[in-house]
Amino acid sequence: MWVARLVELYKHSVVRYITLFVTQLSEGRALYNLGNIYHAKGKHIGRTGQQDPGEFPEDVRSCLQQAVQYYEDNLQLMRELNETAAQGRACGNLGNTYYLLGNFKQAIHYHEEVSLHGRL
């Protein structure tokens, strides 16, 4: 009798853990996709002229900064979940977005981090 109860408790714990993990992965995907949307919106708005990185109007900069926030939130969650492939994607997008914002130091940092995730 106690074995059956132990099995039920174990199954409940596993289901709860899996549900939490899947929920967190879904949240991470949503953050990543929101980052992609703001990144694409910023690039689209910025196509009206030939600006150098960092030389965009405020509405473009605002979209790109919002993309950075979503990518950083995604990266933090993926680190907590130890999802290395997703961490690499987030770092790559952060590098690209920081490049567009003209923050080359951060762009280099995140692109170097991508290469680390490729070796993990």
N, C-alpha and C. Protein backbone atom coordinates (compact mmCIF):
# COMPACT_ATOMS: atom_id res chain seq x y z
N MET A 1 0.82 -1.20 0.00
CA MET A 1 0.00 0.00 0.00
C MET A 1 0.86 1.26 0.00
N TRP A 2 1.87 1.29 0.81
CA TRP A 2 2.72 2.48 0.87
C TRP A 2 3.50 2.67 -0.42
N VAL A 3 3.80 1.56 -1.13
CA VAL A 3 4.50 1.68 -2.40
C VAL A 3 3.63 2.40 -3.43
N ALA A 4 2.36 2.05 -3.46
CA ALA A 4 1.43 2.70 -4.39
C ALA A 4 1.34 4.20 -4.08
N ARG A 5 1.31 4.54 -2.81
CA ARG A 5 1.25 5.95 -2.42
C ARG A 5 2.53 6.67 -2.82
N LEU A 6 3.65 6.01 -2.63
CA LEU A 6 4.94 6.59 -3.00
C LEU A 6 5.01 6.82 -4.51
N VAL A 7 4.52 5.86 -5.28
CA VAL A 7 4.50 6.00 -6.74
C VAL A 7 3.61 7.18 -7.14
N GLU A 8 2.46 7.31 -6.51
CA GLU A 8 1.55 8.42 -6.81
C GLU A 8 2.20 9.77 -6.47
N LEU A 9 2.87 9.85 -5.34
CA LEU A 9 3.56 11.08 -4.97
C LEU A 9 4.66 11.42 -5.97
N TYR A 10 5.38 10.39 -6.38
CA TYR A 10 6.46 10.59 -7.35
C TYR A 10 5.89 11.08 -8.68
N LYS A 11 4.83 10.42 -9.16
CA LYS A 11 4.22 10.84 -10.42
C LYS A 11 3.72 12.28 -10.33
N HIS A 12 3.11 12.63 -9.22
CA HIS A 12 2.62 14.00 -9.03
C HIS A 12 3.79 14.99 -9.07
N SER A 13 4.89 14.64 -8.42
CA SER A 13 6.06 15.52 -8.41
C SER A 13 6.64 15.69 -9.80
N VAL A 14 6.74 14.60 -10.54
CA VAL A 14 7.28 14.64 -11.89
C VAL A 14 6.39 15.48 -12.80
N VAL A 15 5.10 15.25 -12.72
CA VAL A 15 4.15 16.01 -13.55
C VAL A 15 4.25 17.50 -13.20
N ARG A 16 4.34 17.81 -11.93
CA ARG A 16 4.45 19.21 -11.51
C ARG A 16 5.74 19.85 -12.03
N TYR A 17 6.84 19.10 -11.93
CA TYR A 17 8.13 19.61 -12.42
C TYR A 17 8.09 19.81 -13.92
N ILE A 18 7.57 18.85 -14.66
CA ILE A 18 7.49 18.95 -16.12
C ILE A 18 6.61 20.12 -16.52
N THR A 19 5.48 20.28 -15.83
CA THR A 19 4.58 21.39 -16.12
C THR A 19 5.28 22.72 -15.91
N LEU A 20 6.00 22.85 -14.80
CA LEU A 20 6.74 24.08 -14.52
C LEU A 20 7.81 24.32 -15.57
N PHE A 21 8.54 23.27 -15.93
CA PHE A 21 9.61 23.39 -16.92
C PHE A 21 9.03 23.80 -18.28
N VAL A 22 7.97 23.16 -18.71
CA VAL A 22 7.35 23.48 -20.00
C VAL A 22 6.80 24.90 -19.97
N THR A 23 6.21 25.29 -18.85
CA THR A 23 5.69 26.65 -18.71
C THR A 23 6.82 27.67 -18.84
N GLN A 24 7.95 27.40 -18.19
CA GLN A 24 9.09 28.31 -18.26
C GLN A 24 9.67 28.35 -19.67
N LEU A 25 9.74 27.19 -20.34
CA LEU A 25 10.22 27.19 -21.73
C LEU A 25 9.28 28.00 -22.62
N SER A 26 7.99 27.86 -22.41
CA SER A 26 7.01 28.62 -23.20
C SER A 26 7.16 30.11 -22.94
N GLU A 27 7.38 30.47 -21.68
CA GLU A 27 7.60 31.88 -21.35
C GLU A 27 8.86 32.39 -22.04
N GLY A 28 9.90 31.57 -22.03
CA GLY A 28 11.15 31.95 -22.69
C GLY A 28 10.96 32.15 -24.18
N ARG A 29 10.22 31.26 -24.81
CA ARG A 29 9.95 31.40 -26.25
C ARG A 29 9.16 32.67 -26.54
N ALA A 30 8.21 32.98 -25.67
CA ALA A 30 7.41 34.19 -25.86
C ALA A 30 8.29 35.43 -25.74
N LEU A 31 9.19 35.46 -24.75
CA LEU A 31 10.10 36.60 -24.60
C LEU A 31 11.00 36.75 -25.82
N TYR A 32 11.51 35.62 -26.30
CA TYR A 32 12.38 35.62 -27.48
C TYR A 32 11.63 36.15 -28.69
N ASN A 33 10.40 35.68 -28.88
CA ASN A 33 9.60 36.13 -30.02
C ASN A 33 9.25 37.61 -29.92
N LEU A 34 8.95 38.09 -28.72
CA LEU A 34 8.69 39.52 -28.55
C LEU A 34 9.94 40.34 -28.90
N GLY A 35 11.10 39.84 -28.49
CA GLY A 35 12.34 40.50 -28.87
C GLY A 35 12.50 40.56 -30.38
N ASN A 36 12.19 39.44 -31.04
CA ASN A 36 12.28 39.41 -32.51
C ASN A 36 11.34 40.43 -33.15
N ILE A 37 10.15 40.56 -32.59
CA ILE A 37 9.18 41.50 -33.15
C ILE A 37 9.70 42.93 -33.04
N TYR A 38 10.18 43.30 -31.86
CA TYR A 38 10.69 44.67 -31.69
C TYR A 38 11.95 44.90 -32.51
N HIS A 39 12.79 43.89 -32.63
CA HIS A 39 14.00 44.00 -33.45
C HIS A 39 13.60 44.25 -34.91
N ALA A 40 12.68 43.44 -35.40
CA ALA A 40 12.23 43.59 -36.80
C ALA A 40 11.54 44.93 -37.02
N LYS A 41 10.73 45.35 -36.05
CA LYS A 41 10.04 46.65 -36.17
C LYS A 41 11.06 47.78 -36.23
N GLY A 42 12.06 47.73 -35.36
CA GLY A 42 13.09 48.76 -35.36
C GLY A 42 13.86 48.80 -36.67
N LYS A 43 14.21 47.61 -37.18
CA LYS A 43 14.92 47.56 -38.47
C LYS A 43 14.04 48.07 -39.60
N HIS A 44 12.76 47.73 -39.57
CA HIS A 44 11.85 48.17 -40.62
C HIS A 44 11.69 49.69 -40.61
N ILE A 45 11.46 50.25 -39.44
CA ILE A 45 11.30 51.71 -39.34
C ILE A 45 12.60 52.39 -39.75
N GLY A 46 13.72 51.80 -39.38
CA GLY A 46 15.02 52.41 -39.66
C GLY A 46 15.46 52.35 -41.10
N ARG A 47 14.74 51.63 -41.93
CA ARG A 47 15.13 51.50 -43.34
C ARG A 47 14.83 52.74 -44.17
N THR A 48 14.21 53.72 -43.57
CA THR A 48 13.83 54.91 -44.33
C THR A 48 15.03 55.73 -44.76
N GLY A 49 16.16 55.50 -44.16
CA GLY A 49 17.37 56.25 -44.53
C GLY A 49 18.60 55.39 -44.34
N GLN A 50 19.73 55.93 -44.64
CA GLN A 50 21.00 55.22 -44.50
C GLN A 50 21.72 55.73 -43.25
N GLN A 51 21.35 55.20 -42.11
CA GLN A 51 22.00 55.61 -40.88
C GLN A 51 23.10 54.61 -40.52
N ASP A 52 24.11 55.13 -39.87
CA ASP A 52 25.13 54.26 -39.29
C ASP A 52 24.57 53.64 -38.02
N PRO A 53 25.15 52.52 -37.59
CA PRO A 53 24.69 51.93 -36.32
C PRO A 53 24.70 52.97 -35.21
N GLY A 54 23.63 53.02 -34.45
CA GLY A 54 23.50 53.96 -33.36
C GLY A 54 22.96 55.31 -33.76
N GLU A 55 22.83 55.56 -35.05
CA GLU A 55 22.37 56.86 -35.54
C GLU A 55 20.92 56.80 -36.03
N PHE A 56 20.07 56.17 -35.24
CA PHE A 56 18.67 56.03 -35.63
C PHE A 56 17.81 57.03 -34.88
N PRO A 57 16.64 57.35 -35.44
CA PRO A 57 15.69 58.20 -34.72
C PRO A 57 15.24 57.51 -33.42
N GLU A 58 14.67 58.29 -32.53
CA GLU A 58 14.29 57.78 -31.21
C GLU A 58 13.29 56.63 -31.28
N ASP A 59 12.35 56.66 -32.22
CA ASP A 59 11.37 55.57 -32.29
C ASP A 59 12.04 54.24 -32.65
N VAL A 60 13.06 54.29 -33.48
CA VAL A 60 13.80 53.07 -33.84
C VAL A 60 14.62 52.60 -32.64
N ARG A 61 15.31 53.53 -32.00
CA ARG A 61 16.11 53.19 -30.82
C ARG A 61 15.22 52.57 -29.73
N SER A 62 14.03 53.12 -29.57
CA SER A 62 13.11 52.61 -28.56
C SER A 62 12.72 51.16 -28.85
N CYS A 63 12.43 50.86 -30.10
CA CYS A 63 12.10 49.47 -30.49
C CYS A 63 13.28 48.54 -30.22
N LEU A 64 14.46 48.98 -30.60
CA LEU A 64 15.64 48.14 -30.42
C LEU A 64 15.95 47.94 -28.93
N GLN A 65 15.76 48.97 -28.13
CA GLN A 65 15.99 48.83 -26.69
C GLN A 65 14.96 47.90 -26.06
N GLN A 66 13.74 47.94 -26.57
CA GLN A 66 12.72 47.00 -26.08
C GLN A 66 13.10 45.58 -26.47
N ALA A 67 13.62 45.39 -27.67
CA ALA A 67 14.09 44.06 -28.09
C ALA A 67 15.19 43.57 -27.15
N VAL A 68 16.12 44.45 -26.80
CA VAL A 68 17.20 44.08 -25.87
C VAL A 68 16.61 43.58 -24.56
N GLN A 69 15.62 44.29 -24.04
CA GLN A 69 15.03 43.89 -22.76
C GLN A 69 14.42 42.50 -22.84
N TYR A 70 13.67 42.23 -23.91
CA TYR A 70 13.07 40.90 -24.06
C TYR A 70 14.13 39.83 -24.25
N TYR A 71 15.16 40.10 -25.04
CA TYR A 71 16.23 39.12 -25.23
C TYR A 71 16.97 38.86 -23.92
N GLU A 72 17.22 39.91 -23.13
CA GLU A 72 17.91 39.72 -21.86
C GLU A 72 17.05 38.91 -20.88
N ASP A 73 15.75 39.18 -20.85
CA ASP A 73 14.85 38.39 -20.00
C ASP A 73 14.85 36.93 -20.44
N ASN A 74 14.82 36.71 -21.75
CA ASN A 74 14.86 35.36 -22.29
C ASN A 74 16.18 34.68 -21.91
N LEU A 75 17.28 35.38 -22.07
CA LEU A 75 18.59 34.82 -21.75
C LEU A 75 18.68 34.42 -20.28
N GLN A 76 18.19 35.27 -19.40
CA GLN A 76 18.23 34.95 -17.97
C GLN A 76 17.44 33.67 -17.68
N LEU A 77 16.26 33.56 -18.25
CA LEU A 77 15.43 32.37 -18.03
C LEU A 77 16.09 31.13 -18.63
N MET A 78 16.66 31.25 -19.82
CA MET A 78 17.32 30.10 -20.44
C MET A 78 18.56 29.66 -19.65
N ARG A 79 19.25 30.61 -19.02
CA ARG A 79 20.37 30.25 -18.15
C ARG A 79 19.88 29.46 -16.95
N GLU A 80 18.77 29.90 -16.36
CA GLU A 80 18.19 29.18 -15.22
C GLU A 80 17.79 27.76 -15.60
N LEU A 81 17.32 27.59 -16.84
CA LEU A 81 16.88 26.27 -17.31
C LEU A 81 18.02 25.47 -17.93
N ASN A 82 19.21 26.08 -18.03
CA ASN A 82 20.38 25.45 -18.62
C ASN A 82 20.14 25.02 -20.07
N GLU A 83 19.44 25.86 -20.81
CA GLU A 83 19.15 25.61 -22.23
C GLU A 83 20.22 26.32 -23.06
N THR A 84 21.32 25.62 -23.33
CA THR A 84 22.48 26.26 -23.96
C THR A 84 22.21 26.72 -25.39
N ALA A 85 21.47 25.96 -26.16
CA ALA A 85 21.19 26.37 -27.55
C ALA A 85 20.37 27.67 -27.55
N ALA A 86 19.37 27.74 -26.67
CA ALA A 86 18.55 28.95 -26.58
C ALA A 86 19.37 30.13 -26.07
N GLN A 87 20.32 29.86 -25.17
CA GLN A 87 21.20 30.92 -24.69
C GLN A 87 22.03 31.48 -25.84
N GLY A 88 22.52 30.60 -26.70
CA GLY A 88 23.31 31.03 -27.85
C GLY A 88 22.51 31.89 -28.80
N ARG A 89 21.24 31.49 -29.05
CA ARG A 89 20.38 32.29 -29.93
C ARG A 89 20.12 33.67 -29.34
N ALA A 90 19.84 33.71 -28.04
CA ALA A 90 19.58 34.99 -27.38
C ALA A 90 20.82 35.88 -27.44
N CYS A 91 21.99 35.29 -27.19
CA CYS A 91 23.24 36.08 -27.24
C CYS A 91 23.48 36.62 -28.64
N GLY A 92 23.23 35.81 -29.66
CA GLY A 92 23.41 36.28 -31.03
C GLY A 92 22.50 37.45 -31.35
N ASN A 93 21.24 37.35 -30.94
CA ASN A 93 20.31 38.45 -31.19
C ASN A 93 20.66 39.68 -30.38
N LEU A 94 21.12 39.48 -29.14
CA LEU A 94 21.57 40.62 -28.35
C LEU A 94 22.76 41.30 -29.03
N GLY A 95 23.70 40.51 -29.53
CA GLY A 95 24.84 41.08 -30.24
C GLY A 95 24.43 41.89 -31.45
N ASN A 96 23.52 41.33 -32.23
CA ASN A 96 23.03 42.04 -33.43
C ASN A 96 22.29 43.33 -33.06
N THR A 97 21.50 43.27 -32.01
CA THR A 97 20.72 44.44 -31.62
C THR A 97 21.62 45.53 -31.04
N TYR A 98 22.57 45.12 -30.21
CA TYR A 98 23.51 46.11 -29.66
C TYR A 98 24.33 46.74 -30.79
N TYR A 99 24.65 45.96 -31.81
CA TYR A 99 25.36 46.52 -32.97
C TYR A 99 24.54 47.64 -33.60
N LEU A 100 23.25 47.35 -33.84
CA LEU A 100 22.39 48.37 -34.44
C LEU A 100 22.27 49.61 -33.57
N LEU A 101 22.32 49.42 -32.25
CA LEU A 101 22.25 50.55 -31.33
C LEU A 101 23.57 51.31 -31.24
N GLY A 102 24.62 50.76 -31.87
CA GLY A 102 25.92 51.42 -31.84
C GLY A 102 26.74 51.10 -30.61
N ASN A 103 26.31 50.13 -29.81
CA ASN A 103 27.04 49.73 -28.61
C ASN A 103 27.92 48.52 -28.99
N PHE A 104 29.06 48.82 -29.58
CA PHE A 104 29.91 47.77 -30.14
C PHE A 104 30.55 46.90 -29.06
N LYS A 105 30.82 47.49 -27.91
CA LYS A 105 31.41 46.71 -26.81
C LYS A 105 30.45 45.59 -26.39
N GLN A 106 29.17 45.93 -26.20
CA GLN A 106 28.18 44.92 -25.83
C GLN A 106 27.94 43.93 -26.97
N ALA A 107 27.95 44.43 -28.20
CA ALA A 107 27.76 43.55 -29.36
C ALA A 107 28.86 42.49 -29.40
N ILE A 108 30.10 42.92 -29.22
CA ILE A 108 31.23 41.98 -29.21
C ILE A 108 31.09 41.00 -28.06
N HIS A 109 30.74 41.51 -26.88
CA HIS A 109 30.58 40.65 -25.70
C HIS A 109 29.60 39.50 -25.99
N TYR A 110 28.44 39.85 -26.51
CA TYR A 110 27.43 38.81 -26.74
C TYR A 110 27.80 37.89 -27.89
N HIS A 111 28.46 38.40 -28.91
CA HIS A 111 28.88 37.51 -30.00
C HIS A 111 30.00 36.57 -29.54
N GLU A 112 30.86 37.04 -28.65
CA GLU A 112 31.86 36.13 -28.07
C GLU A 112 31.19 35.07 -27.22
N GLU A 113 30.13 35.44 -26.53
CA GLU A 113 29.40 34.48 -25.71
C GLU A 113 28.72 33.42 -26.58
N VAL A 114 28.28 33.79 -27.78
CA VAL A 114 27.70 32.82 -28.70
C VAL A 114 28.71 31.72 -29.00
N SER A 115 29.95 32.10 -29.21
CA SER A 115 30.96 31.09 -29.52
C SER A 115 31.19 30.16 -28.34
N LEU A 116 31.02 30.65 -27.12
CA LEU A 116 31.13 29.78 -25.94
C LEU A 116 30.01 28.76 -25.91
N HIS A 117 28.80 29.18 -26.26
CA HIS A 117 27.66 28.26 -26.25
C HIS A 117 27.79 27.21 -27.34
N GLY A 118 28.48 27.54 -28.40
CA GLY A 118 28.71 26.56 -29.47
C GLY A 118 29.63 25.45 -29.02
N ARG A 119 30.45 25.72 -28.01
CA ARG A 119 31.38 24.70 -27.51
C ARG A 119 30.82 23.91 -26.34
N LEU A 120 29.67 24.33 -25.81
CA LEU A 120 29.10 23.64 -24.66
C LEU A 120 28.44 22.35 -25.05
